[in-house]
Amino acid sequence: MFGPAPTLAQATRAVLAFGSLQDCCMQFPEAPHDELRSRSVEAALAALEM
């Protein structure tokens, strides 16, 4: 995500972003797939500050 030598801040944001994608799928299994994907990716990008 942030290259071969990310800072600790960058690495923790990446872990949070990817882990949160999985968490959203498990937390909201009945949500409409396309909307859940869109909202989850938006949240992950916000965690990455992108």
PDB file of N, CA and C in Angstrom:
ATOM      1  N   MET A   1       0.816  -1.194   0.000  1.00  0.00           N
ATOM      2  CA  MET A   1       0.000   0.000   0.000  1.00  0.00           C
ATOM      3  C   MET A   1       0.857   1.253   0.000  1.00  0.00           C
ATOM      4  N   PHE A   2       1.865   1.277   0.878  1.00  0.00           N
ATOM      5  CA  PHE A   2       2.661   2.487   1.052  1.00  0.00           C
ATOM      6  C   PHE A   2       4.111   2.296   0.637  1.00  0.00           C
ATOM      7  N   GLY A   3       4.402   1.254  -0.121  1.00  0.00           N
ATOM      8  CA  GLY A   3       5.763   1.011  -0.567  1.00  0.00           C
ATOM      9  C   GLY A   3       6.494   0.031   0.335  1.00  0.00           C
ATOM     10  N   PRO A   4       7.784  -0.183   0.049  1.00  0.00           N
ATOM     11  CA  PRO A   4       8.542  -1.213   0.757  1.00  0.00           C
ATOM     12  C   PRO A   4       8.899  -0.877   2.201  1.00  0.00           C
ATOM     13  N   ALA A   5       8.850   0.372   2.578  1.00  0.00           N
ATOM     14  CA  ALA A   5       9.245   0.756   3.940  1.00  0.00           C
ATOM     15  C   ALA A   5       8.239   1.750   4.534  1.00  0.00           C
ATOM     16  N   PRO A   6       7.010   1.290   4.801  1.00  0.00           N
ATOM     17  CA  PRO A   6       6.010   2.216   5.348  1.00  0.00           C
ATOM     18  C   PRO A   6       6.354   2.624   6.773  1.00  0.00           C
ATOM     19  N   THR A   7       5.891   3.794   7.144  1.00  0.00           N
ATOM     20  CA  THR A   7       6.034   4.209   8.536  1.00  0.00           C
ATOM     21  C   THR A   7       5.079   3.366   9.379  1.00  0.00           C
ATOM     22  N   LEU A   8       5.259   3.408  10.673  1.00  0.00           N
ATOM     23  CA  LEU A   8       4.352   2.681  11.554  1.00  0.00           C
ATOM     24  C   LEU A   8       2.926   3.201  11.387  1.00  0.00           C
ATOM     25  N   ALA A   9       2.772   4.506  11.249  1.00  0.00           N
ATOM     26  CA  ALA A   9       1.436   5.088  11.059  1.00  0.00           C
ATOM     27  C   ALA A   9       0.795   4.563   9.776  1.00  0.00           C
ATOM     28  N   GLN A  10       1.552   4.502   8.693  1.00  0.00           N
ATOM     29  CA  GLN A  10       1.017   3.995   7.434  1.00  0.00           C
ATOM     30  C   GLN A  10       0.652   2.515   7.539  1.00  0.00           C
ATOM     31  N   ALA A  11       1.513   1.734   8.155  1.00  0.00           N
ATOM     32  CA  ALA A  11       1.267   0.295   8.287  1.00  0.00           C
ATOM     33  C   ALA A  11       0.028   0.020   9.136  1.00  0.00           C
ATOM     34  N   THR A  12      -0.143   0.760  10.216  1.00  0.00           N
ATOM     35  CA  THR A  12      -1.316   0.526  11.060  1.00  0.00           C
ATOM     36  C   THR A  12      -2.595   0.952  10.353  1.00  0.00           C
ATOM     37  N   ARG A  13      -2.546   2.014   9.560  1.00  0.00           N
ATOM     38  CA  ARG A  13      -3.728   2.413   8.789  1.00  0.00           C
ATOM     39  C   ARG A  13      -4.096   1.339   7.773  1.00  0.00           C
ATOM     40  N   ALA A  14      -3.093   0.729   7.139  1.00  0.00           N
ATOM     41  CA  ALA A  14      -3.361  -0.336   6.170  1.00  0.00           C
ATOM     42  C   ALA A  14      -4.002  -1.544   6.841  1.00  0.00           C
ATOM     43  N   VAL A  15      -3.485  -1.938   7.998  1.00  0.00           N
ATOM     44  CA  VAL A  15      -4.063  -3.071   8.731  1.00  0.00           C
ATOM     45  C   VAL A  15      -5.506  -2.763   9.115  1.00  0.00           C
ATOM     46  N   LEU A  16      -5.737  -1.566   9.602  1.00  0.00           N
ATOM     47  CA  LEU A  16      -7.091  -1.160   9.988  1.00  0.00           C
ATOM     48  C   LEU A  16      -8.030  -1.174   8.784  1.00  0.00           C
ATOM     49  N   ALA A  17      -7.573  -0.646   7.672  1.00  0.00           N
ATOM     50  CA  ALA A  17      -8.413  -0.576   6.476  1.00  0.00           C
ATOM     51  C   ALA A  17      -8.797  -1.966   5.978  1.00  0.00           C
ATOM     52  N   PHE A  18      -7.830  -2.856   5.854  1.00  0.00           N
ATOM     53  CA  PHE A  18      -8.126  -4.191   5.335  1.00  0.00           C
ATOM     54  C   PHE A  18      -8.936  -5.014   6.326  1.00  0.00           C
ATOM     55  N   GLY A  19      -8.622  -4.907   7.599  1.00  0.00           N
ATOM     56  CA  GLY A  19      -9.389  -5.634   8.610  1.00  0.00           C
ATOM     57  C   GLY A  19     -10.823  -5.158   8.678  1.00  0.00           C
ATOM     58  N   SER A  20     -11.008  -3.874   8.499  1.00  0.00           N
ATOM     59  CA  SER A  20     -12.358  -3.308   8.563  1.00  0.00           C
ATOM     60  C   SER A  20     -13.224  -3.758   7.397  1.00  0.00           C
ATOM     61  N   LEU A  21     -12.624  -3.992   6.236  1.00  0.00           N
ATOM     62  CA  LEU A  21     -13.400  -4.504   5.103  1.00  0.00           C
ATOM     63  C   LEU A  21     -14.029  -5.845   5.463  1.00  0.00           C
ATOM     64  N   GLN A  22     -13.231  -6.716   6.046  1.00  0.00           N
ATOM     65  CA  GLN A  22     -13.743  -8.026   6.456  1.00  0.00           C
ATOM     66  C   GLN A  22     -14.783  -7.873   7.563  1.00  0.00           C
ATOM     67  N   ASP A  23     -14.509  -7.003   8.523  1.00  0.00           N
ATOM     68  CA  ASP A  23     -15.450  -6.799   9.629  1.00  0.00           C
ATOM     69  C   ASP A  23     -16.814  -6.345   9.123  1.00  0.00           C
ATOM     70  N   CYS A  24     -16.831  -5.452   8.154  1.00  0.00           N
ATOM     71  CA  CYS A  24     -18.109  -4.961   7.621  1.00  0.00           C
ATOM     72  C   CYS A  24     -18.900  -6.086   6.972  1.00  0.00           C
ATOM     73  N   CYS A  25     -18.219  -6.959   6.260  1.00  0.00           N
ATOM     74  CA  CYS A  25     -18.913  -8.089   5.620  1.00  0.00           C
ATOM     75  C   CYS A  25     -19.539  -9.005   6.660  1.00  0.00           C
ATOM     76  N   MET A  26     -18.843  -9.207   7.760  1.00  0.00           N
ATOM     77  CA  MET A  26     -19.356 -10.092   8.803  1.00  0.00           C
ATOM     78  C   MET A  26     -20.431  -9.408   9.644  1.00  0.00           C
ATOM     79  N   GLN A  27     -20.289  -8.109   9.860  1.00  0.00           N
ATOM     80  CA  GLN A  27     -21.220  -7.366  10.708  1.00  0.00           C
ATOM     81  C   GLN A  27     -22.561  -7.108  10.025  1.00  0.00           C
ATOM     82  N   PHE A  28     -22.535  -6.951   8.710  1.00  0.00           N
ATOM     83  CA  PHE A  28     -23.741  -6.583   7.965  1.00  0.00           C
ATOM     84  C   PHE A  28     -24.031  -7.576   6.836  1.00  0.00           C
ATOM     85  N   PRO A  29     -24.214  -8.859   7.149  1.00  0.00           N
ATOM     86  CA  PRO A  29     -24.394  -9.869   6.094  1.00  0.00           C
ATOM     87  C   PRO A  29     -25.678  -9.697   5.282  1.00  0.00           C
ATOM     88  N   GLU A  30     -26.661  -9.023   5.828  1.00  0.00           N
ATOM     89  CA  GLU A  30     -27.939  -8.852   5.124  1.00  0.00           C
ATOM     90  C   GLU A  30     -27.997  -7.567   4.297  1.00  0.00           C
ATOM     91  N   ALA A  31     -26.971  -6.738   4.389  1.00  0.00           N
ATOM     92  CA  ALA A  31     -26.970  -5.477   3.641  1.00  0.00           C
ATOM     93  C   ALA A  31     -26.860  -5.757   2.141  1.00  0.00           C
ATOM     94  N   PRO A  32     -27.430  -4.886   1.325  1.00  0.00           N
ATOM     95  CA  PRO A  32     -27.282  -5.044  -0.125  1.00  0.00           C
ATOM     96  C   PRO A  32     -25.794  -5.052  -0.505  1.00  0.00           C
ATOM     97  N   HIS A  33     -25.391  -6.062  -1.267  1.00  0.00           N
ATOM     98  CA  HIS A  33     -23.976  -6.285  -1.569  1.00  0.00           C
ATOM     99  C   HIS A  33     -23.285  -5.061  -2.164  1.00  0.00           C
ATOM    100  N   ASP A  34     -23.868  -4.479  -3.186  1.00  0.00           N
ATOM    101  CA  ASP A  34     -23.223  -3.345  -3.857  1.00  0.00           C
ATOM    102  C   ASP A  34     -23.073  -2.144  -2.935  1.00  0.00           C
ATOM    103  N   GLU A  35     -24.097  -1.860  -2.145  1.00  0.00           N
ATOM    104  CA  GLU A  35     -24.017  -0.720  -1.229  1.00  0.00           C
ATOM    105  C   GLU A  35     -23.007  -0.982  -0.118  1.00  0.00           C
ATOM    106  N   LEU A  36     -23.006  -2.198   0.422  1.00  0.00           N
ATOM    107  CA  LEU A  36     -22.045  -2.537   1.473  1.00  0.00           C
ATOM    108  C   LEU A  36     -20.618  -2.421   0.952  1.00  0.00           C
ATOM    109  N   ARG A  37     -20.386  -2.915  -0.255  1.00  0.00           N
ATOM    110  CA  ARG A  37     -19.050  -2.812  -0.847  1.00  0.00           C
ATOM    111  C   ARG A  37     -18.650  -1.349  -0.994  1.00  0.00           C
ATOM    112  N   SER A  38     -19.538  -0.541  -1.529  1.00  0.00           N
ATOM    113  CA  SER A  38     -19.243   0.869  -1.735  1.00  0.00           C
ATOM    114  C   SER A  38     -18.937   1.590  -0.426  1.00  0.00           C
ATOM    115  N   ARG A  39     -19.783   1.390   0.567  1.00  0.00           N
ATOM    116  CA  ARG A  39     -19.590   2.063   1.862  1.00  0.00           C
ATOM    117  C   ARG A  39     -18.350   1.549   2.577  1.00  0.00           C
ATOM    118  N   SER A  40     -18.075   0.255   2.463  1.00  0.00           N
ATOM    119  CA  SER A  40     -16.903  -0.324   3.120  1.00  0.00           C
ATOM    120  C   SER A  40     -15.612   0.206   2.505  1.00  0.00           C
ATOM    121  N   VAL A  41     -15.590   0.292   1.183  1.00  0.00           N
ATOM    122  CA  VAL A  41     -14.400   0.819   0.508  1.00  0.00           C
ATOM    123  C   VAL A  41     -14.211   2.293   0.849  1.00  0.00           C
ATOM    124  N   GLU A  42     -15.286   3.066   0.899  1.00  0.00           N
ATOM    125  CA  GLU A  42     -15.189   4.475   1.302  1.00  0.00           C
ATOM    126  C   GLU A  42     -14.565   4.592   2.691  1.00  0.00           C
ATOM    127  N   ALA A  43     -15.011   3.754   3.612  1.00  0.00           N
ATOM    128  CA  ALA A  43     -14.488   3.797   4.978  1.00  0.00           C
ATOM    129  C   ALA A  43     -13.021   3.391   5.018  1.00  0.00           C
ATOM    130  N   ALA A  44     -12.658   2.370   4.249  1.00  0.00           N
ATOM    131  CA  ALA A  44     -11.262   1.931   4.215  1.00  0.00           C
ATOM    132  C   ALA A  44     -10.361   3.029   3.653  1.00  0.00           C
ATOM    133  N   LEU A  45     -10.805   3.680   2.596  1.00  0.00           N
ATOM    134  CA  LEU A  45     -10.016   4.774   2.027  1.00  0.00           C
ATOM    135  C   LEU A  45      -9.876   5.931   3.010  1.00  0.00           C
ATOM    136  N   ALA A  46     -10.913   6.189   3.778  1.00  0.00           N
ATOM    137  CA  ALA A  46     -10.827   7.241   4.796  1.00  0.00           C
ATOM    138  C   ALA A  46      -9.794   6.866   5.851  1.00  0.00           C
ATOM    139  N   ALA A  47      -9.762   5.595   6.235  1.00  0.00           N
ATOM    140  CA  ALA A  47      -8.771   5.147   7.216  1.00  0.00           C
ATOM    141  C   ALA A  47      -7.358   5.298   6.667  1.00  0.00           C
ATOM    142  N   LEU A  48      -7.214   5.110   5.355  1.00  0.00           N
ATOM    143  CA  LEU A  48      -5.906   5.261   4.713  1.00  0.00           C
ATOM    144  C   LEU A  48      -5.580   6.719   4.407  1.00  0.00           C
ATOM    145  N   GLU A  49      -6.528   7.603   4.652  1.00  0.00           N
ATOM    146  CA  GLU A  49      -6.394   9.039   4.357  1.00  0.00           C
ATOM    147  C   GLU A  49      -6.147   9.267   2.875  1.00  0.00           C
ATOM    148  N   MET A  50      -6.935   8.579   2.038  1.00  0.00           N
ATOM    149  CA  MET A  50      -6.800   8.715   0.582  1.00  0.00           C
ATOM    150  C   MET A  50      -8.027   9.393   0.026  1.00  0.00           C
TER     151      MET A  50
END
